[in-house]
Amino acid sequence: MDLKVVIEGNTQIINIPDSLLTEADDYFEMMDNSMEKGYQMSQYWVEKPDTFQRCQIAADKLLTALHTHNENTYTLMGAYILSRLPDTKIVALSSSGDMNEHNIDDIDMEF
């Protein structure tokens, strides 16, 4: 499955193996359990991040992994997003430093 990632108008396609969505389920559950305790989302503490916010957190990790060329992590974070929001077509990442500005959408927009 391909996930379109857009950063400052630059598009990158990340191939997420379908099998990873189920193979990494234990890891995704661990992520969810950790986020259940609350999470610092940039300037805001969120007591109980909802599914979209959790995917924004994963998107922020994806952004960092792209910048550091860590293919395993950005593929895993892409798989997390697709496992929680399966209709996702595009992840538009903000480079402003505010993870609340990451947009995850089920409509494939052109940039």
PDB file of N, CA and C in Angstrom:
ATOM      1  N   MET A   1       0.849  -1.163   0.000  1.00  0.00           N
ATOM      2  CA  MET A   1       0.000   0.000   0.000  1.00  0.00           C
ATOM      3  C   MET A   1       0.904   1.239   0.000  1.00  0.00           C
ATOM      4  N   ASP A   2       0.552   2.199  -0.794  1.00  0.00           N
ATOM      5  CA  ASP A   2       1.338   3.428  -0.865  1.00  0.00           C
ATOM      6  C   ASP A   2       0.686   4.526  -0.031  1.00  0.00           C
ATOM      7  N   LEU A   3       1.539   5.280   0.648  1.00  0.00           N
ATOM      8  CA  LEU A   3       1.087   6.425   1.430  1.00  0.00           C
ATOM      9  C   LEU A   3       1.802   7.649   0.892  1.00  0.00           C
ATOM     10  N   LYS A   4       1.019   8.649   0.496  1.00  0.00           N
ATOM     11  CA  LYS A   4       1.593   9.887  -0.015  1.00  0.00           C
ATOM     12  C   LYS A   4       1.896  10.805   1.161  1.00  0.00           C
ATOM     13  N   VAL A   5       3.141  11.272   1.224  1.00  0.00           N
ATOM     14  CA  VAL A   5       3.571  12.179   2.288  1.00  0.00           C
ATOM     15  C   VAL A   5       4.049  13.469   1.629  1.00  0.00           C
ATOM     16  N   VAL A   6       3.524  14.586   2.099  1.00  0.00           N
ATOM     17  CA  VAL A   6       3.873  15.889   1.539  1.00  0.00           C
ATOM     18  C   VAL A   6       4.498  16.746   2.625  1.00  0.00           C
ATOM     19  N   ILE A   7       5.688  17.279   2.321  1.00  0.00           N
ATOM     20  CA  ILE A   7       6.388  18.188   3.230  1.00  0.00           C
ATOM     21  C   ILE A   7       6.795  19.407   2.420  1.00  0.00           C
ATOM     22  N   GLU A   8       6.252  20.564   2.793  1.00  0.00           N
ATOM     23  CA  GLU A   8       6.575  21.821   2.113  1.00  0.00           C
ATOM     24  C   GLU A   8       6.464  21.697   0.590  1.00  0.00           C
ATOM     25  N   GLY A   9       5.398  21.076   0.126  1.00  0.00           N
ATOM     26  CA  GLY A   9       5.146  20.954  -1.311  1.00  0.00           C
ATOM     27  C   GLY A   9       5.890  19.828  -1.986  1.00  0.00           C
ATOM     28  N   ASN A  10       6.789  19.162  -1.291  1.00  0.00           N
ATOM     29  CA  ASN A  10       7.512  18.018  -1.862  1.00  0.00           C
ATOM     30  C   ASN A  10       6.798  16.737  -1.485  1.00  0.00           C
ATOM     31  N   THR A  11       6.532  15.916  -2.489  1.00  0.00           N
ATOM     32  CA  THR A  11       5.787  14.686  -2.279  1.00  0.00           C
ATOM     33  C   THR A  11       6.721  13.485  -2.304  1.00  0.00           C
ATOM     34  N   GLN A  12       6.476  12.594  -1.384  1.00  0.00           N
ATOM     35  CA  GLN A  12       7.212  11.335  -1.333  1.00  0.00           C
ATOM     36  C   GLN A  12       6.192  10.227  -1.136  1.00  0.00           C
ATOM     37  N   ILE A  13       6.381   9.127  -1.831  1.00  0.00           N
ATOM     38  CA  ILE A  13       5.515   7.973  -1.677  1.00  0.00           C
ATOM     39  C   ILE A  13       6.252   6.953  -0.817  1.00  0.00           C
ATOM     40  N   ILE A  14       5.596   6.517   0.250  1.00  0.00           N
ATOM     41  CA  ILE A  14       6.160   5.491   1.115  1.00  0.00           C
ATOM     42  C   ILE A  14       5.366   4.211   0.883  1.00  0.00           C
ATOM     43  N   ASN A  15       6.064   3.157   0.527  1.00  0.00           N
ATOM     44  CA  ASN A  15       5.408   1.873   0.335  1.00  0.00           C
ATOM     45  C   ASN A  15       5.325   1.160   1.676  1.00  0.00           C
ATOM     46  N   ILE A  16       4.102   0.860   2.083  1.00  0.00           N
ATOM     47  CA  ILE A  16       3.853   0.167   3.338  1.00  0.00           C
ATOM     48  C   ILE A  16       3.388  -1.251   2.987  1.00  0.00           C
ATOM     49  N   PRO A  17       4.191  -2.258   3.304  1.00  0.00           N
ATOM     50  CA  PRO A  17       3.735  -3.629   3.027  1.00  0.00           C
ATOM     51  C   PRO A  17       2.441  -3.926   3.789  1.00  0.00           C
ATOM     52  N   ASP A  18       1.450  -4.489   3.108  1.00  0.00           N
ATOM     53  CA  ASP A  18       0.168  -4.807   3.748  1.00  0.00           C
ATOM     54  C   ASP A  18       0.371  -5.680   4.979  1.00  0.00           C
ATOM     55  N   SER A  19       1.322  -6.587   4.915  1.00  0.00           N
ATOM     56  CA  SER A  19       1.560  -7.508   6.027  1.00  0.00           C
ATOM     57  C   SER A  19       2.015  -6.778   7.289  1.00  0.00           C
ATOM     58  N   LEU A  20       2.663  -5.622   7.128  1.00  0.00           N
ATOM     59  CA  LEU A  20       3.166  -4.877   8.283  1.00  0.00           C
ATOM     60  C   LEU A  20       2.024  -4.382   9.168  1.00  0.00           C
ATOM     61  N   LEU A  21       0.868  -4.126   8.571  1.00  0.00           N
ATOM     62  CA  LEU A  21      -0.274  -3.631   9.346  1.00  0.00           C
ATOM     63  C   LEU A  21      -0.699  -4.630  10.417  1.00  0.00           C
ATOM     64  N   THR A  22      -0.545  -5.916  10.148  1.00  0.00           N
ATOM     65  CA  THR A  22      -0.905  -6.921  11.148  1.00  0.00           C
ATOM     66  C   THR A  22       0.317  -7.410  11.922  1.00  0.00           C
ATOM     67  N   GLU A  23       1.455  -7.508  11.265  1.00  0.00           N
ATOM     68  CA  GLU A  23       2.664  -8.004  11.927  1.00  0.00           C
ATOM     69  C   GLU A  23       3.113  -7.092  13.067  1.00  0.00           C
ATOM     70  N   ALA A  24       2.867  -5.811  12.941  1.00  0.00           N
ATOM     71  CA  ALA A  24       3.320  -4.846  13.945  1.00  0.00           C
ATOM     72  C   ALA A  24       2.217  -4.490  14.939  1.00  0.00           C
ATOM     73  N   ASP A  25       1.145  -5.240  14.940  1.00  0.00           N
ATOM     74  CA  ASP A  25       0.009  -4.908  15.803  1.00  0.00           C
ATOM     75  C   ASP A  25       0.394  -4.835  17.283  1.00  0.00           C
ATOM     76  N   ASP A  26       1.256  -5.739  17.749  1.00  0.00           N
ATOM     77  CA  ASP A  26       1.688  -5.681  19.155  1.00  0.00           C
ATOM     78  C   ASP A  26       2.415  -4.368  19.446  1.00  0.00           C
ATOM     79  N   TYR A  27       3.244  -3.936  18.518  1.00  0.00           N
ATOM     80  CA  TYR A  27       3.969  -2.670  18.688  1.00  0.00           C
ATOM     81  C   TYR A  27       2.991  -1.493  18.691  1.00  0.00           C
ATOM     82  N   PHE A  28       2.011  -1.549  17.796  1.00  0.00           N
ATOM     83  CA  PHE A  28       1.013  -0.475  17.739  1.00  0.00           C
ATOM     84  C   PHE A  28       0.199  -0.419  19.032  1.00  0.00           C
ATOM     85  N   GLU A  29      -0.125  -1.571  19.593  1.00  0.00           N
ATOM     86  CA  GLU A  29      -0.836  -1.611  20.873  1.00  0.00           C
ATOM     87  C   GLU A  29       0.015  -0.989  21.981  1.00  0.00           C
ATOM     88  N   MET A  30       1.332  -1.262  21.942  1.00  0.00           N
ATOM     89  CA  MET A  30       2.235  -0.677  22.925  1.00  0.00           C
ATOM     90  C   MET A  30       2.245   0.852  22.781  1.00  0.00           C
ATOM     91  N   MET A  31       2.262   1.345  21.537  1.00  0.00           N
ATOM     92  CA  MET A  31       2.204   2.788  21.309  1.00  0.00           C
ATOM     93  C   MET A  31       0.914   3.365  21.890  1.00  0.00           C
ATOM     94  N   ASP A  32      -0.208   2.698  21.607  1.00  0.00           N
ATOM     95  CA  ASP A  32      -1.502   3.172  22.115  1.00  0.00           C
ATOM     96  C   ASP A  32      -1.524   3.196  23.634  1.00  0.00           C
ATOM     97  N   ASN A  33      -1.012   2.145  24.259  1.00  0.00           N
ATOM     98  CA  ASN A  33      -0.987   2.091  25.721  1.00  0.00           C
ATOM     99  C   ASN A  33      -0.147   3.220  26.302  1.00  0.00           C
ATOM    100  N   SER A  34       0.956   3.528  25.656  1.00  0.00           N
ATOM    101  CA  SER A  34       1.810   4.620  26.110  1.00  0.00           C
ATOM    102  C   SER A  34       1.091   5.966  25.975  1.00  0.00           C
ATOM    103  N   MET A  35       0.396   6.161  24.862  1.00  0.00           N
ATOM    104  CA  MET A  35      -0.303   7.427  24.631  1.00  0.00           C
ATOM    105  C   MET A  35      -1.535   7.576  25.509  1.00  0.00           C
ATOM    106  N   GLU A  36      -2.077   6.450  26.011  1.00  0.00           N
ATOM    107  CA  GLU A  36      -3.223   6.493  26.929  1.00  0.00           C
ATOM    108  C   GLU A  36      -2.912   7.307  28.178  1.00  0.00           C
ATOM    109  N   LYS A  37      -1.632   7.390  28.516  1.00  0.00           N
ATOM    110  CA  LYS A  37      -1.205   8.101  29.734  1.00  0.00           C
ATOM    111  C   LYS A  37      -1.098   9.608  29.504  1.00  0.00           C
ATOM    112  N   GLY A  38      -1.379  10.049  28.290  1.00  0.00           N
ATOM    113  CA  GLY A  38      -1.253  11.453  27.934  1.00  0.00           C
ATOM    114  C   GLY A  38      -0.006  11.674  27.098  1.00  0.00           C
ATOM    115  N   TYR A  39       0.017  12.807  26.394  1.00  0.00           N
ATOM    116  CA  TYR A  39       1.145  13.076  25.504  1.00  0.00           C
ATOM    117  C   TYR A  39       1.319  14.588  25.335  1.00  0.00           C
ATOM    118  N   GLN A  40       2.566  15.008  25.326  1.00  0.00           N
ATOM    119  CA  GLN A  40       2.890  16.419  25.068  1.00  0.00           C
ATOM    120  C   GLN A  40       2.889  16.628  23.553  1.00  0.00           C
ATOM    121  N   MET A  41       1.858  17.289  23.055  1.00  0.00           N
ATOM    122  CA  MET A  41       1.754  17.557  21.626  1.00  0.00           C
ATOM    123  C   MET A  41       2.178  19.003  21.383  1.00  0.00           C
ATOM    124  N   SER A  42       3.462  19.135  21.105  1.00  0.00           N
ATOM    125  CA  SER A  42       4.082  20.444  20.948  1.00  0.00           C
ATOM    126  C   SER A  42       3.869  21.241  22.226  1.00  0.00           C
ATOM    127  N   GLN A  43       3.117  22.343  22.181  1.00  0.00           N
ATOM    128  CA  GLN A  43       2.961  23.185  23.366  1.00  0.00           C
ATOM    129  C   GLN A  43       1.840  22.731  24.294  1.00  0.00           C
ATOM    130  N   TYR A  44       1.093  21.692  23.909  1.00  0.00           N
ATOM    131  CA  TYR A  44      -0.102  21.314  24.673  1.00  0.00           C
ATOM    132  C   TYR A  44       0.012  19.903  25.221  1.00  0.00           C
ATOM    133  N   TRP A  45      -0.372  19.737  26.477  1.00  0.00           N
ATOM    134  CA  TRP A  45      -0.487  18.410  27.066  1.00  0.00           C
ATOM    135  C   TRP A  45      -1.891  17.903  26.767  1.00  0.00           C
ATOM    136  N   VAL A  46      -1.975  16.725  26.182  1.00  0.00           N
ATOM    137  CA  VAL A  46      -3.266  16.119  25.858  1.00  0.00           C
ATOM    138  C   VAL A  46      -3.444  14.907  26.770  1.00  0.00           C
ATOM    139  N   GLU A  47      -4.461  14.960  27.626  1.00  0.00           N
ATOM    140  CA  GLU A  47      -4.696  13.901  28.611  1.00  0.00           C
ATOM    141  C   GLU A  47      -4.927  12.538  27.969  1.00  0.00           C
ATOM    142  N   LYS A  48      -5.775  12.506  26.957  1.00  0.00           N
ATOM    143  CA  LYS A  48      -6.123  11.258  26.298  1.00  0.00           C
ATOM    144  C   LYS A  48      -6.235  11.529  24.794  1.00  0.00           C
ATOM    145  N   PRO A  49      -5.126  11.407  24.081  1.00  0.00           N
ATOM    146  CA  PRO A  49      -5.184  11.679  22.638  1.00  0.00           C
ATOM    147  C   PRO A  49      -6.198  10.756  21.940  1.00  0.00           C
ATOM    148  N   ASP A  50      -7.011  11.351  21.073  1.00  0.00           N
ATOM    149  CA  ASP A  50      -7.948  10.543  20.295  1.00  0.00           C
ATOM    150  C   ASP A  50      -7.192   9.903  19.120  1.00  0.00           C
ATOM    151  N   THR A  51      -7.883   9.161  18.303  1.00  0.00           N
ATOM    152  CA  THR A  51      -7.238   8.444  17.199  1.00  0.00           C
ATOM    153  C   THR A  51      -6.521   9.394  16.253  1.00  0.00           C
ATOM    154  N   PHE A  52      -7.149  10.502  15.898  1.00  0.00           N
ATOM    155  CA  PHE A  52      -6.515  11.450  14.980  1.00  0.00           C
ATOM    156  C   PHE A  52      -5.248  12.037  15.604  1.00  0.00           C
ATOM    157  N   GLN A  53      -5.328  12.419  16.866  1.00  0.00           N
ATOM    158  CA  GLN A  53      -4.148  12.972  17.547  1.00  0.00           C
ATOM    159  C   GLN A  53      -3.028  11.941  17.649  1.00  0.00           C
ATOM    160  N   ARG A  54      -3.382  10.709  17.892  1.00  0.00           N
ATOM    161  CA  ARG A  54      -2.372   9.645  17.940  1.00  0.00           C
ATOM    162  C   ARG A  54      -1.677   9.504  16.587  1.00  0.00           C
ATOM    163  N   CYS A  55      -2.456   9.639  15.545  1.00  0.00           N
ATOM    164  CA  CYS A  55      -1.863   9.568  14.206  1.00  0.00           C
ATOM    165  C   CYS A  55      -1.004  10.797  13.923  1.00  0.00           C
ATOM    166  N   GLN A  56      -1.368  11.962  14.474  1.00  0.00           N
ATOM    167  CA  GLN A  56      -0.502  13.139  14.352  1.00  0.00           C
ATOM    168  C   GLN A  56       0.825  12.904  15.075  1.00  0.00           C
ATOM    169  N   ILE A  57       0.783  12.232  16.212  1.00  0.00           N
ATOM    170  CA  ILE A  57       1.996  11.906  16.956  1.00  0.00           C
ATOM    171  C   ILE A  57       2.864  10.973  16.120  1.00  0.00           C
ATOM    172  N   ALA A  58       2.246   9.946  15.533  1.00  0.00           N
ATOM    173  CA  ALA A  58       2.990   9.026  14.666  1.00  0.00           C
ATOM    174  C   ALA A  58       3.527   9.764  13.438  1.00  0.00           C
ATOM    175  N   ALA A  59       2.738  10.709  12.914  1.00  0.00           N
ATOM    176  CA  ALA A  59       3.187  11.494  11.764  1.00  0.00           C
ATOM    177  C   ALA A  59       4.408  12.328  12.120  1.00  0.00           C
ATOM    178  N   ASP A  60       4.459  12.828  13.344  1.00  0.00           N
ATOM    179  CA  ASP A  60       5.616  13.602  13.772  1.00  0.00           C
ATOM    180  C   ASP A  60       6.862  12.711  13.843  1.00  0.00           C
ATOM    181  N   LYS A  61       6.687  11.493  14.305  1.00  0.00           N
ATOM    182  CA  LYS A  61       7.795  10.530  14.331  1.00  0.00           C
ATOM    183  C   LYS A  61       8.207  10.163  12.906  1.00  0.00           C
ATOM    184  N   LEU A  62       7.224  10.074  12.017  1.00  0.00           N
ATOM    185  CA  LEU A  62       7.488   9.806  10.603  1.00  0.00           C
ATOM    186  C   LEU A  62       8.338  10.932  10.008  1.00  0.00           C
ATOM    187  N   LEU A  63       7.974  12.173  10.327  1.00  0.00           N
ATOM    188  CA  LEU A  63       8.727  13.335   9.830  1.00  0.00           C
ATOM    189  C   LEU A  63      10.189  13.276  10.278  1.00  0.00           C
ATOM    190  N   THR A  64      10.395  13.002  11.552  1.00  0.00           N
ATOM    191  CA  THR A  64      11.760  12.899  12.074  1.00  0.00           C
ATOM    192  C   THR A  64      12.519  11.777  11.364  1.00  0.00           C
ATOM    193  N   ALA A  65      11.853  10.640  11.180  1.00  0.00           N
ATOM    194  CA  ALA A  65      12.493   9.502  10.518  1.00  0.00           C
ATOM    195  C   ALA A  65      12.844   9.812   9.067  1.00  0.00           C
ATOM    196  N   LEU A  66      11.997  10.576   8.385  1.00  0.00           N
ATOM    197  CA  LEU A  66      12.317  10.975   7.009  1.00  0.00           C
ATOM    198  C   LEU A  66      13.564  11.858   6.984  1.00  0.00           C
ATOM    199  N   HIS A  67      13.639  12.785   7.919  1.00  0.00           N
ATOM    200  CA  HIS A  67      14.792  13.697   7.974  1.00  0.00           C
ATOM    201  C   HIS A  67      16.089  12.969   8.309  1.00  0.00           C
ATOM    202  N   THR A  68      15.982  11.880   9.081  1.00  0.00           N
ATOM    203  CA  THR A  68      17.184  11.133   9.467  1.00  0.00           C
ATOM    204  C   THR A  68      17.399   9.908   8.571  1.00  0.00           C
ATOM    205  N   HIS A  69      16.552   9.775   7.567  1.00  0.00           N
ATOM    206  CA  HIS A  69      16.653   8.659   6.604  1.00  0.00           C
ATOM    207  C   HIS A  69      16.510   7.301   7.282  1.00  0.00           C
ATOM    208  N   ASN A  70      15.641   7.229   8.298  1.00  0.00           N
ATOM    209  CA  ASN A  70      15.399   5.983   9.026  1.00  0.00           C
ATOM    210  C   ASN A  70      14.175   5.294   8.410  1.00  0.00           C
ATOM    211  N   GLU A  71      14.442   4.506   7.386  1.00  0.00           N
ATOM    212  CA  GLU A  71      13.371   3.876   6.615  1.00  0.00           C
ATOM    213  C   GLU A  71      12.499   2.963   7.471  1.00  0.00           C
ATOM    214  N   ASN A  72      13.100   2.206   8.364  1.00  0.00           N
ATOM    215  CA  ASN A  72      12.307   1.303   9.212  1.00  0.00           C
ATOM    216  C   ASN A  72      11.289   2.070  10.029  1.00  0.00           C
ATOM    217  N   THR A  73      11.714   3.184  10.631  1.00  0.00           N
ATOM    218  CA  THR A  73      10.793   3.950  11.480  1.00  0.00           C
ATOM    219  C   THR A  73       9.724   4.646  10.657  1.00  0.00           C
ATOM    220  N   TYR A  74      10.090   5.277   9.524  1.00  0.00           N
ATOM    221  CA  TYR A  74       9.026   5.974   8.785  1.00  0.00           C
ATOM    222  C   TYR A  74       8.038   4.993   8.164  1.00  0.00           C
ATOM    223  N   THR A  75       8.501   3.810   7.806  1.00  0.00           N
ATOM    224  CA  THR A  75       7.578   2.799   7.292  1.00  0.00           C
ATOM    225  C   THR A  75       6.654   2.314   8.410  1.00  0.00           C
ATOM    226  N   LEU A  76       7.200   2.083   9.593  1.00  0.00           N
ATOM    227  CA  LEU A  76       6.414   1.641  10.736  1.00  0.00           C
ATOM    228  C   LEU A  76       5.388   2.694  11.152  1.00  0.00           C
ATOM    229  N   MET A  77       5.777   3.974  11.179  1.00  0.00           N
ATOM    230  CA  MET A  77       4.839   5.033  11.552  1.00  0.00           C
ATOM    231  C   MET A  77       3.753   5.192  10.486  1.00  0.00           C
ATOM    232  N   GLY A  78       4.119   5.030   9.226  1.00  0.00           N
ATOM    233  CA  GLY A  78       3.114   5.047   8.161  1.00  0.00           C
ATOM    234  C   GLY A  78       2.124   3.905   8.333  1.00  0.00           C
ATOM    235  N   ALA A  79       2.637   2.735   8.705  1.00  0.00           N
ATOM    236  CA  ALA A  79       1.767   1.575   8.941  1.00  0.00           C
ATOM    237  C   ALA A  79       0.848   1.828  10.133  1.00  0.00           C
ATOM    238  N   TYR A  80       1.366   2.465  11.181  1.00  0.00           N
ATOM    239  CA  TYR A  80       0.521   2.786  12.337  1.00  0.00           C
ATOM    240  C   TYR A  80      -0.645   3.674  11.891  1.00  0.00           C
ATOM    241  N   ILE A  81      -0.333   4.710  11.133  1.00  0.00           N
ATOM    242  CA  ILE A  81      -1.386   5.626  10.666  1.00  0.00           C
ATOM    243  C   ILE A  81      -2.432   4.867   9.857  1.00  0.00           C
ATOM    244  N   LEU A  82      -1.980   4.015   8.939  1.00  0.00           N
ATOM    245  CA  LEU A  82      -2.918   3.269   8.104  1.00  0.00           C
ATOM    246  C   LEU A  82      -3.702   2.228   8.914  1.00  0.00           C
ATOM    247  N   SER A  83      -3.113   1.723   9.981  1.00  0.00           N
ATOM    248  CA  SER A  83      -3.836   0.746  10.802  1.00  0.00           C
ATOM    249  C   SER A  83      -4.936   1.416  11.618  1.00  0.00           C
ATOM    250  N   ARG A  84      -4.725   2.667  11.979  1.00  0.00           N
ATOM    251  CA  ARG A  84      -5.713   3.377  12.806  1.00  0.00           C
ATOM    252  C   ARG A  84      -6.702   4.196  11.975  1.00  0.00           C
ATOM    253  N   LEU A  85      -6.258   4.706  10.844  1.00  0.00           N
ATOM    254  CA  LEU A  85      -7.121   5.464   9.922  1.00  0.00           C
ATOM    255  C   LEU A  85      -6.958   4.843   8.534  1.00  0.00           C
ATOM    256  N   PRO A  86      -7.597   3.687   8.290  1.00  0.00           N
ATOM    257  CA  PRO A  86      -7.336   2.896   7.086  1.00  0.00           C
ATOM    258  C   PRO A  86      -7.678   3.573   5.758  1.00  0.00           C
ATOM    259  N   ASP A  87      -8.489   4.605   5.768  1.00  0.00           N
ATOM    260  CA  ASP A  87      -8.838   5.283   4.511  1.00  0.00           C
ATOM    261  C   ASP A  87      -7.857   6.396   4.148  1.00  0.00           C
ATOM    262  N   THR A  88      -6.795   6.541   4.933  1.00  0.00           N
ATOM    263  CA  THR A  88      -5.822   7.612   4.707  1.00  0.00           C
ATOM    264  C   THR A  88      -5.186   7.483   3.327  1.00  0.00           C
ATOM    265  N   LYS A  89      -5.142   8.589   2.623  1.00  0.00           N
ATOM    266  CA  LYS A  89      -4.493   8.653   1.313  1.00  0.00           C
ATOM    267  C   LYS A  89      -3.247   9.518   1.347  1.00  0.00           C
ATOM    268  N   ILE A  90      -3.286  10.552   2.219  1.00  0.00           N
ATOM    269  CA  ILE A  90      -2.209  11.542   2.212  1.00  0.00           C
ATOM    270  C   ILE A  90      -1.932  12.040   3.632  1.00  0.00           C
ATOM    271  N   VAL A  91      -0.663  12.244   3.907  1.00  0.00           N
ATOM    272  CA  VAL A  91      -0.239  12.841   5.168  1.00  0.00           C
ATOM    273  C   VAL A  91       0.557  14.094   4.804  1.00  0.00           C
ATOM    274  N   ALA A  92       0.026  15.246   5.157  1.00  0.00           N
ATOM    275  CA  ALA A  92       0.707  16.515   4.903  1.00  0.00           C
ATOM    276  C   ALA A  92       1.372  16.945   6.200  1.00  0.00           C
ATOM    277  N   LEU A  93       2.702  16.945   6.189  1.00  0.00           N
ATOM    278  CA  LEU A  93       3.472  17.224   7.397  1.00  0.00           C
ATOM    279  C   LEU A  93       3.910  18.678   7.438  1.00  0.00           C
ATOM    280  N   SER A  94       3.719  19.285   8.592  1.00  0.00           N
ATOM    281  CA  SER A  94       4.159  20.653   8.802  1.00  0.00           C
ATOM    282  C   SER A  94       5.590  20.637   9.320  1.00  0.00           C
ATOM    283  N   SER A  95       6.416  21.495   8.788  1.00  0.00           N
ATOM    284  CA  SER A  95       7.794  21.590   9.282  1.00  0.00           C
ATOM    285  C   SER A  95       7.939  22.765  10.255  1.00  0.00           C
ATOM    286  N   SER A  96       6.798  23.271  10.751  1.00  0.00           N
ATOM    287  CA  SER A  96       6.810  24.414  11.672  1.00  0.00           C
ATOM    288  C   SER A  96       7.258  24.027  13.077  1.00  0.00           C
ATOM    289  N   GLY A  97       7.261  22.724  13.359  1.00  0.00           N
ATOM    290  CA  GLY A  97       7.594  22.276  14.703  1.00  0.00           C
ATOM    291  C   GLY A  97       6.361  22.008  15.554  1.00  0.00           C
ATOM    292  N   ASP A  98       5.173  22.263  15.028  1.00  0.00           N
ATOM    293  CA  ASP A  98       3.935  22.025  15.765  1.00  0.00           C
ATOM    294  C   ASP A  98       3.227  20.807  15.173  1.00  0.00           C
ATOM    295  N   MET A  99       3.279  19.684  15.888  1.00  0.00           N
ATOM    296  CA  MET A  99       2.683  18.456  15.372  1.00  0.00           C
ATOM    297  C   MET A  99       1.171  18.550  15.212  1.00  0.00           C
ATOM    298  N   ASN A 100       0.539  19.531  15.858  1.00  0.00           N
ATOM    299  CA  ASN A 100      -0.899  19.715  15.705  1.00  0.00           C
ATOM    300  C   ASN A 100      -1.259  20.196  14.302  1.00  0.00           C
ATOM    301  N   GLU A 101      -0.273  20.634  13.547  1.00  0.00           N
ATOM    302  CA  GLU A 101      -0.507  21.109  12.179  1.00  0.00           C
ATOM    303  C   GLU A 101      -0.375  19.998  11.137  1.00  0.00           C
ATOM    304  N   HIS A 102       0.038  18.794  11.553  1.00  0.00           N
ATOM    305  CA  HIS A 102       0.094  17.678  10.608  1.00  0.00           C
ATOM    306  C   HIS A 102      -1.334  17.329  10.205  1.00  0.00           C
ATOM    307  N   ASN A 103      -1.553  17.159   8.913  1.00  0.00           N
ATOM    308  CA  ASN A 103      -2.882  16.845   8.402  1.00  0.00           C
ATOM    309  C   ASN A 103      -2.888  15.443   7.807  1.00  0.00           C
ATOM    310  N   ILE A 104      -3.867  14.668   8.179  1.00  0.00           N
ATOM    311  CA  ILE A 104      -4.027  13.310   7.683  1.00  0.00           C
ATOM    312  C   ILE A 104      -5.391  13.267   7.029  1.00  0.00           C
ATOM    313  N   ASP A 105      -5.429  12.879   5.751  1.00  0.00           N
ATOM    314  CA  ASP A 105      -6.678  13.011   5.015  1.00  0.00           C
ATOM    315  C   ASP A 105      -6.951  11.777   4.170  1.00  0.00           C
ATOM    316  N   ASP A 106      -8.235  11.533   3.920  1.00  0.00           N
ATOM    317  CA  ASP A 106      -8.621  10.416   3.067  1.00  0.00           C
ATOM    318  C   ASP A 106      -8.892  10.865   1.630  1.00  0.00           C
ATOM    319  N   ILE A 107      -8.588  12.128   1.358  1.00  0.00           N
ATOM    320  CA  ILE A 107      -8.740  12.665   0.004  1.00  0.00           C
ATOM    321  C   ILE A 107      -7.334  12.942  -0.534  1.00  0.00           C
ATOM    322  N   ASP A 108      -7.046  12.409  -1.698  1.00  0.00           N
ATOM    323  CA  ASP A 108      -5.739  12.588  -2.304  1.00  0.00           C
ATOM    324  C   ASP A 108      -5.707  13.951  -3.004  1.00  0.00           C
ATOM    325  N   MET A 109      -5.113  14.925  -2.345  1.00  0.00           N
ATOM    326  CA  MET A 109      -5.042  16.276  -2.885  1.00  0.00           C
ATOM    327  C   MET A 109      -3.738  16.442  -3.663  1.00  0.00           C
ATOM    328  N   GLU A 110      -3.760  17.282  -4.616  1.00  0.00           N
ATOM    329  CA  GLU A 110      -2.538  17.597  -5.379  1.00  0.00           C
ATOM    330  C   GLU A 110      -1.865  18.808  -4.764  1.00  0.00           C
ATOM    331  N   PHE A 111      -0.554  18.739  -4.597  1.00  0.00           N
ATOM    332  CA  PHE A 111       0.207  19.860  -4.055  1.00  0.00           C
ATOM    333  C   PHE A 111       1.189  20.334  -5.084  1.00  0.00           C
TER     334      PHE A 111
END
